[in-house]
Amino acid sequence: MLETSFLLSFIGFFIVLTPLVFVHEFGHYYAAIKSGVKVETFSIGFGPELFGFNDKKDTRWKFSLIPLGGYVKMKGELFNPIDNSNNTSLTKDTFTEASLLSRFIIVASGPIANLIFGSFLITSLYAFNGKYVSTSIIDTVIDSKPAKVAGILPGDKIISINDELVENFQEIKVVVEKNPNISMQFKILRNDTVLFLNVVPEEFFDERSKSTVGRIGVTAKPMVLTKLTLIEAFKIGIYDTLKLTIEWIKGLKTLLTFNIDKKDIIGPVGIAKISGSSLNQGFFSIIFLMAVLSINLGLINLLPIPALDGGYIVLQIYEFVFKKPLPSQIQIFLLKFGFVFLLMLMFIITAFDLGF
């Protein structure tokens, strides 16, 4: 049973991660080719090559041994003409000879490709399968809690809170959490009758957000699968992409302030487990997981850490401001530091994944 679970997680990991890495690196590749920069290597994975081929432009496309990412190697990528006397080796098809704008586009295209791909997957999922939507109908009411005391019953539909319209349970949750110990007027539809009830959310300390929020003691009806038109799917897909981006930024802020439980940090092992679970749940679960991870991958690569795309963007901003690039020795040092930092971070996250 353990071997089957491990194999499923392993397969799921590759099914989910490999296309995302390919999309990311293809973003870099396509922008480079369009900018006239020669791409020498397009690799899925790191380390020794397992297999590959050369295309007509003499780009080596390959799969490598360590499947935790990938890279595109461009001609002259680390060469700095300012502090290198061998200027004769420079040609127009090198990365460093491309304009600053072209280099910025090449670097930014990887993360942007992931963000677009994630949004495309979400939109496609909604267009072909529909979207599970929570309603504003109450399923259960907990005894002795504010909702019960106020007279709310199972089956009641909440229309508005303090004249603020609510369409689903998530919107109700957001309003209630912001107003602990404050009386609010709930507009309720019960059968065909409209009622107005005053509810005072009780204080509750949320361990996840480390803050005091409001609770009224109700649960929602199960979500309903709603069919969407292509235009609706596109609009909601873009909206959900933005919402996932905002939630990611909030999560990063929490991480940087150390207000996060290590159990909430997911690395390669955690992704493999979730991927295996999604594989069990079916095609649409895999697609949604890929969409979320693609958006996360794009955002992570925009972080200003050397060896990530965001680190290169910072160097290009420096070059734009000071009208010259950093010396190549410093760039190479930062690149090495970034790789070491990311490897250490990977080991720590993997340790958290394994329960250490």
Protein backbone atom coordinates (compact mmCIF):
# COMPACT_ATOMS: atom_id res chain seq x y z
CA MET A 1 0.00 0.00 0.00
CA LEU A 2 2.85 2.38 0.90
CA GLU A 3 4.64 1.58 -2.36
CA THR A 4 1.47 2.23 -4.37
CA SER A 5 0.90 5.56 -2.59
CA PHE A 6 4.53 6.61 -3.15
CA LEU A 7 4.40 5.65 -6.83
CA LEU A 8 1.15 7.57 -7.32
CA SER A 9 2.64 10.64 -5.65
CA PHE A 10 5.80 10.31 -7.76
CA ILE A 11 3.83 10.05 -11.00
CA GLY A 12 1.51 12.87 -9.96
CA PHE A 13 4.48 15.10 -9.16
CA PHE A 14 5.88 14.72 -12.70
CA ILE A 15 2.49 15.08 -14.38
CA VAL A 16 1.82 18.33 -12.52
CA LEU A 17 5.28 19.93 -12.35
CA THR A 18 6.86 19.11 -15.75
CA PRO A 19 4.37 21.11 -17.90
CA LEU A 20 4.73 24.10 -15.55
CA VAL A 21 8.52 24.06 -15.83
CA PHE A 22 8.25 23.71 -19.61
CA VAL A 23 5.84 26.68 -19.86
CA HIS A 24 8.13 28.81 -17.68
CA GLU A 25 11.28 28.02 -19.64
CA PHE A 26 9.47 28.30 -22.97
CA GLY A 27 8.51 31.85 -21.99
CA HIS A 28 12.23 32.67 -21.66
CA TYR A 29 13.07 30.73 -24.84
CA TYR A 30 10.42 32.38 -27.02
CA ALA A 31 11.30 35.90 -25.85
CA ALA A 32 14.99 35.22 -26.42
CA ILE A 33 14.46 33.89 -29.96
CA LYS A 34 12.23 36.85 -30.82
CA SER A 35 14.92 39.20 -29.48
CA GLY A 36 17.57 37.60 -31.71
CA VAL A 37 19.38 35.89 -28.83
CA LYS A 38 20.69 32.37 -29.45
CA VAL A 39 19.48 29.75 -26.97
CA GLU A 40 22.12 27.08 -26.44
CA THR A 41 20.26 24.79 -24.01
CA PHE A 42 16.65 24.18 -22.99
CA SER A 43 16.63 21.82 -20.02
CA ILE A 44 13.85 20.28 -17.96
CA GLY A 45 15.61 19.40 -14.71
CA PHE A 46 19.18 19.95 -13.51
CA GLY A 47 22.34 17.88 -13.44
CA PRO A 48 23.45 15.16 -15.89
CA GLU A 49 21.47 14.83 -19.10
CA LEU A 50 19.22 11.77 -19.43
CA PHE A 51 18.27 12.27 -23.07
CA GLY A 52 17.81 15.09 -25.58
CA PHE A 53 18.21 16.35 -29.14
CA ASN A 54 19.44 19.37 -31.12
CA ASP A 55 16.99 21.35 -33.24
CA LYS A 56 17.69 23.23 -36.50
CA LYS A 57 18.89 26.29 -34.56
CA ASP A 58 21.37 24.08 -32.68
CA THR A 59 19.51 24.44 -29.38
CA ARG A 60 19.96 21.39 -27.15
CA TRP A 61 16.57 20.29 -25.77
CA LYS A 62 17.05 17.84 -22.91
CA PHE A 63 15.68 16.15 -19.81
CA SER A 64 18.10 16.08 -16.88
CA LEU A 65 18.44 13.90 -13.80
CA ILE A 66 17.20 16.19 -11.00
CA PRO A 67 13.55 17.04 -11.77
CA LEU A 68 13.20 20.12 -9.54
CA GLY A 69 12.93 22.87 -12.14
CA GLY A 70 14.72 23.67 -15.37
CA TYR A 71 16.65 26.36 -17.21
CA VAL A 72 17.31 28.04 -20.53
CA LYS A 73 20.98 28.83 -21.24
CA MET A 74 21.50 31.69 -23.66
CA LYS A 75 24.69 32.55 -25.50
CA GLY A 76 26.87 34.99 -23.53
CA GLU A 77 24.41 35.05 -20.64
CA LEU A 78 27.07 35.73 -17.95
CA PHE A 79 29.50 37.67 -20.11
CA ASN A 80 30.01 41.34 -19.21
CA PRO A 81 31.65 43.42 -21.97
CA ILE A 82 32.56 46.29 -19.65
CA ASP A 83 35.16 44.40 -17.61
CA ASN A 84 36.29 41.77 -20.10
CA SER A 85 38.98 42.61 -22.64
CA ASN A 86 38.01 39.90 -25.10
CA ASN A 87 35.36 41.97 -26.82
CA THR A 88 35.94 40.19 -30.12
CA SER A 89 34.02 37.19 -28.79
CA LEU A 90 30.85 39.25 -28.65
CA THR A 91 28.28 38.81 -31.40
CA LYS A 92 24.84 40.24 -31.89
CA ASP A 93 23.13 37.00 -30.89
CA THR A 94 24.44 37.06 -27.29
CA PHE A 95 22.25 37.85 -24.29
CA THR A 96 24.47 40.70 -23.09
CA GLU A 97 24.46 42.38 -26.51
CA ALA A 98 20.66 42.53 -26.51
CA SER A 99 19.11 45.83 -25.45
CA LEU A 100 18.23 46.34 -21.80
CA LEU A 101 14.53 46.25 -22.70
CA SER A 102 14.97 42.95 -24.57
CA ARG A 103 16.85 41.41 -21.64
CA PHE A 104 14.13 42.57 -19.24
CA ILE A 105 11.44 41.01 -21.45
CA ILE A 106 13.41 37.76 -21.75
CA VAL A 107 13.78 37.45 -17.97
CA ALA A 108 10.22 38.51 -17.14
CA SER A 109 8.64 36.25 -19.79
CA GLY A 110 9.12 33.06 -17.75
CA PRO A 111 7.05 34.17 -14.72
CA ILE A 112 4.54 35.92 -16.98
CA ALA A 113 4.09 32.70 -18.98
CA ASN A 114 3.28 30.84 -15.75
CA LEU A 115 0.75 33.47 -14.67
CA ILE A 116 -0.95 33.43 -18.08
CA PHE A 117 -0.91 29.62 -18.19
CA GLY A 118 -2.43 29.37 -14.70
CA SER A 119 -5.19 31.81 -15.63
CA PHE A 120 -5.79 29.92 -18.89
CA LEU A 121 -6.15 26.61 -17.02
CA ILE A 122 -8.62 28.10 -14.52
CA THR A 123 -10.66 29.71 -17.31
CA SER A 124 -10.69 26.46 -19.32
CA LEU A 125 -11.73 24.48 -16.26
CA TYR A 126 -14.63 26.84 -15.57
CA ALA A 127 -15.66 26.90 -19.25
CA PHE A 128 -15.76 23.10 -19.70
CA ASN A 129 -16.62 21.89 -16.21
CA GLY A 130 -18.27 24.84 -14.48
CA LYS A 131 -17.38 26.21 -11.05
CA TYR A 132 -18.33 25.03 -7.60
CA VAL A 133 -19.99 27.99 -5.91
CA SER A 134 -20.97 28.35 -2.28
CA THR A 135 -24.42 29.80 -1.60
CA SER A 136 -25.55 32.09 1.19
CA ILE A 137 -27.94 29.43 2.54
CA ILE A 138 -27.35 28.25 6.11
CA ASP A 139 -26.92 24.51 6.60
CA THR A 140 -26.54 24.13 10.38
CA VAL A 141 -26.78 26.48 13.34
CA ILE A 142 -24.75 25.70 16.47
CA ASP A 143 -26.58 25.83 19.78
CA SER A 144 -25.89 28.76 22.12
CA LYS A 145 -23.98 30.64 19.42
CA PRO A 146 -24.88 34.19 18.22
CA ALA A 147 -26.80 33.03 15.13
CA LYS A 148 -28.96 30.65 17.20
CA VAL A 149 -29.58 33.31 19.85
CA ALA A 150 -30.62 35.81 17.16
CA GLY A 151 -33.14 33.34 15.67
CA ILE A 152 -31.38 32.20 12.48
CA LEU A 153 -32.50 28.72 11.37
CA PRO A 154 -31.13 26.07 8.99
CA GLY A 155 -32.32 26.78 5.45
CA ASP A 156 -32.33 30.55 5.92
CA LYS A 157 -30.78 32.51 3.06
CA ILE A 158 -28.73 35.56 4.06
CA ILE A 159 -29.37 38.35 1.57
CA SER A 160 -27.40 41.18 3.15
CA ILE A 161 -25.53 42.23 6.29
CA ASN A 162 -25.90 45.89 7.29
CA ASP A 163 -27.32 46.53 3.80
CA GLU A 164 -24.18 45.00 2.21
CA LEU A 165 -25.31 42.33 -0.27
CA VAL A 166 -23.75 38.87 0.14
CA GLU A 167 -23.92 36.19 -2.55
CA ASN A 168 -22.00 33.32 -0.96
CA PHE A 169 -20.78 32.00 2.37
CA GLN A 170 -17.26 33.34 1.87
CA GLU A 171 -18.59 36.89 1.66
CA ILE A 172 -20.60 36.30 4.85
CA LYS A 173 -17.47 35.01 6.58
CA VAL A 174 -15.42 38.06 5.54
CA VAL A 175 -18.01 40.53 6.89
CA VAL A 176 -18.58 38.64 10.14
CA GLU A 177 -14.87 38.19 10.88
CA LYS A 178 -14.30 41.95 10.64
CA ASN A 179 -16.95 42.76 13.25
CA PRO A 180 -16.49 40.88 16.54
CA ASN A 181 -18.80 42.14 19.33
CA ILE A 182 -20.58 44.52 16.95
CA SER A 183 -24.34 44.23 16.37
CA MET A 184 -25.17 43.73 12.70
CA GLN A 185 -28.49 43.55 10.90
CA PHE A 186 -28.96 40.39 8.83
CA LYS A 187 -31.57 40.43 6.07
CA ILE A 188 -32.87 36.86 5.88
CA LEU A 189 -35.09 35.08 3.36
CA ARG A 190 -37.00 32.25 5.06
CA ASN A 191 -39.30 30.45 2.65
CA ASP A 192 -41.07 33.45 1.07
CA THR A 193 -40.72 35.76 4.04
CA VAL A 194 -38.07 38.44 4.51
CA LEU A 195 -36.82 38.89 8.09
CA PHE A 196 -34.42 41.31 9.76
CA LEU A 197 -32.41 39.88 12.65
CA ASN A 198 -29.71 41.50 14.78
CA VAL A 199 -26.65 39.30 15.31
CA VAL A 200 -23.61 40.06 17.50
CA PRO A 201 -20.58 37.94 16.43
CA GLU A 202 -18.60 36.57 19.36
CA GLU A 203 -14.85 36.99 19.63
CA PHE A 204 -12.68 34.12 18.44
CA PHE A 205 -8.88 33.99 18.34
CA ASP A 206 -7.85 32.55 14.97
CA GLU A 207 -4.56 30.64 15.33
CA ARG A 208 -3.88 30.80 11.59
CA SER A 209 -4.04 34.59 11.24
CA LYS A 210 -3.02 35.25 14.87
CA SER A 211 -5.86 37.74 15.24
CA THR A 212 -9.26 38.08 16.92
CA VAL A 213 -12.17 37.63 14.52
CA GLY A 214 -15.93 37.36 14.68
CA ARG A 215 -17.88 34.09 14.63
CA ILE A 216 -21.65 33.49 14.66
CA GLY A 217 -21.78 29.67 14.69
CA VAL A 218 -23.19 28.59 11.33
CA THR A 219 -22.08 26.28 8.52
CA ALA A 220 -22.79 26.53 4.81
CA LYS A 221 -24.69 24.32 2.44
CA PRO A 222 -22.44 22.18 0.20
CA MET A 223 -21.12 24.03 -2.84
CA VAL A 224 -23.09 23.74 -6.07
CA LEU A 225 -21.54 23.14 -9.51
CA THR A 226 -22.60 26.09 -11.68
CA LYS A 227 -22.21 26.12 -15.46
CA LEU A 228 -20.61 29.23 -16.96
CA THR A 229 -20.50 30.79 -20.41
CA LEU A 230 -17.10 31.32 -22.01
CA ILE A 231 -17.21 35.05 -21.20
CA GLU A 232 -18.23 34.35 -17.58
CA ALA A 233 -15.49 31.74 -17.29
CA PHE A 234 -12.92 34.23 -18.62
CA LYS A 235 -13.98 37.00 -16.24
CA ILE A 236 -14.08 34.72 -13.18
CA GLY A 237 -10.82 33.05 -14.24
CA ILE A 238 -9.04 36.43 -14.30
CA TYR A 239 -10.67 37.41 -11.00
CA ASP A 240 -9.65 34.16 -9.31
CA THR A 241 -6.10 34.52 -10.66
CA LEU A 242 -5.89 37.97 -9.06
CA LYS A 243 -7.40 36.61 -5.83
CA LEU A 244 -4.87 33.76 -5.72
CA THR A 245 -2.10 36.32 -6.31
CA ILE A 246 -3.31 38.49 -3.44
CA GLU A 247 -3.56 35.46 -1.13
CA TRP A 248 -0.02 34.45 -2.11
CA ILE A 249 1.27 37.93 -1.26
CA LYS A 250 -0.52 37.78 2.11
CA GLY A 251 1.05 34.37 2.73
CA LEU A 252 4.50 35.74 1.88
CA LYS A 253 3.96 38.62 4.31
CA THR A 254 3.00 36.13 7.02
CA LEU A 255 6.07 34.03 6.25
CA LEU A 256 8.41 37.02 6.42
CA THR A 257 7.00 38.01 9.83
CA PHE A 258 7.43 34.40 11.05
CA ASN A 259 3.72 34.16 11.91
CA ILE A 260 3.30 30.82 10.18
CA ASP A 261 3.22 27.24 11.36
CA LYS A 262 5.80 25.00 9.67
CA LYS A 263 2.96 22.53 8.97
CA ASP A 264 1.52 25.12 6.57
CA ILE A 265 4.73 25.19 4.47
CA ILE A 266 4.60 22.89 1.46
CA GLY A 267 7.68 21.79 -0.49
CA PRO A 268 8.45 19.09 -3.06
CA VAL A 269 7.31 16.23 -0.80
CA GLY A 270 4.07 18.03 0.04
CA ILE A 271 3.45 18.84 -3.62
CA ALA A 272 4.06 15.18 -4.50
CA LYS A 273 1.50 14.06 -1.90
CA ILE A 274 -1.08 16.58 -3.11
CA SER A 275 -0.35 15.63 -6.73
CA GLY A 276 -0.90 11.94 -5.94
CA SER A 277 -4.16 12.80 -4.18
CA SER A 278 -5.29 14.91 -7.16
CA LEU A 279 -4.45 12.03 -9.47
CA ASN A 280 -6.83 9.90 -7.42
CA GLN A 281 -9.56 12.54 -7.56
CA GLY A 282 -9.53 12.87 -11.31
CA PHE A 283 -8.59 15.05 -14.26
CA PHE A 284 -10.21 18.31 -13.15
CA SER A 285 -8.50 18.19 -9.74
CA ILE A 286 -5.12 17.82 -11.47
CA ILE A 287 -5.85 20.76 -13.78
CA PHE A 288 -6.84 23.02 -10.89
CA LEU A 289 -3.73 22.04 -8.92
CA MET A 290 -1.58 22.77 -11.98
CA ALA A 291 -3.23 26.19 -12.31
CA VAL A 292 -2.57 27.13 -8.68
CA LEU A 293 1.03 25.88 -8.80
CA SER A 294 1.67 27.66 -12.10
CA ILE A 295 0.56 30.98 -10.59
CA ASN A 296 2.66 30.32 -7.48
CA LEU A 297 5.68 29.38 -9.60
CA GLY A 298 5.40 32.61 -11.56
CA LEU A 299 5.13 34.71 -8.39
CA ILE A 300 7.98 32.91 -6.61
CA ASN A 301 10.29 33.52 -9.57
CA LEU A 302 9.58 37.25 -9.34
CA LEU A 303 11.07 37.41 -5.84
CA PRO A 304 14.27 39.54 -5.80
CA ILE A 305 16.53 36.61 -4.94
CA PRO A 306 19.74 35.97 -6.93
CA ALA A 307 19.35 32.94 -9.25
CA LEU A 308 15.61 33.64 -9.59
CA ASP A 309 14.19 35.80 -12.37
CA GLY A 310 13.39 38.52 -9.84
CA GLY A 311 17.07 38.72 -8.96
CA TYR A 312 17.99 39.31 -12.59
CA ILE A 313 15.29 41.97 -12.85
CA VAL A 314 16.85 43.79 -9.87
CA LEU A 315 20.21 43.74 -11.68
CA GLN A 316 18.56 45.19 -14.78
CA ILE A 317 16.91 47.92 -12.71
CA TYR A 318 20.37 48.71 -11.31
CA GLU A 319 21.73 48.92 -14.86
CA PHE A 320 18.86 51.20 -15.92
CA VAL A 321 19.38 53.55 -12.95
CA PHE A 322 23.21 53.69 -13.02
CA LYS A 323 23.60 53.31 -16.80
CA LYS A 324 25.98 50.38 -16.43
CA PRO A 325 25.72 46.75 -15.28
CA LEU A 326 27.29 45.33 -12.15
CA PRO A 327 30.75 43.82 -12.80
CA SER A 328 30.50 40.20 -13.96
CA GLN A 329 32.43 38.96 -10.90
CA ILE A 330 29.75 40.38 -8.60
CA GLN A 331 26.97 39.00 -10.79
CA ILE A 332 28.51 35.52 -10.71
CA PHE A 333 29.02 35.75 -6.92
CA LEU A 334 25.36 36.74 -6.43
CA LEU A 335 24.29 33.89 -8.72
CA LYS A 336 26.28 31.34 -6.70
CA PHE A 337 24.98 32.79 -3.44
CA GLY A 338 21.43 32.58 -4.76
CA PHE A 339 21.83 28.92 -5.71
CA VAL A 340 23.25 28.05 -2.29
CA PHE A 341 20.47 30.00 -0.56
CA LEU A 342 17.77 28.26 -2.60
CA LEU A 343 19.30 24.83 -1.95
CA MET A 344 19.36 25.51 1.80
CA LEU A 345 15.78 26.75 1.66
CA MET A 346 14.77 23.61 -0.25
CA PHE A 347 16.38 21.37 2.37
CA ILE A 348 14.62 23.23 5.21
CA ILE A 349 11.22 23.08 3.50
CA THR A 350 11.71 19.39 2.71
CA ALA A 351 12.52 18.77 6.38
CA PHE A 352 9.26 20.51 7.34
CA ASP A 353 7.46 18.36 4.74
CA LEU A 354 8.83 15.23 6.38
CA GLY A 355 7.72 16.37 9.84
CA PHE A 356 11.06 17.41 11.35
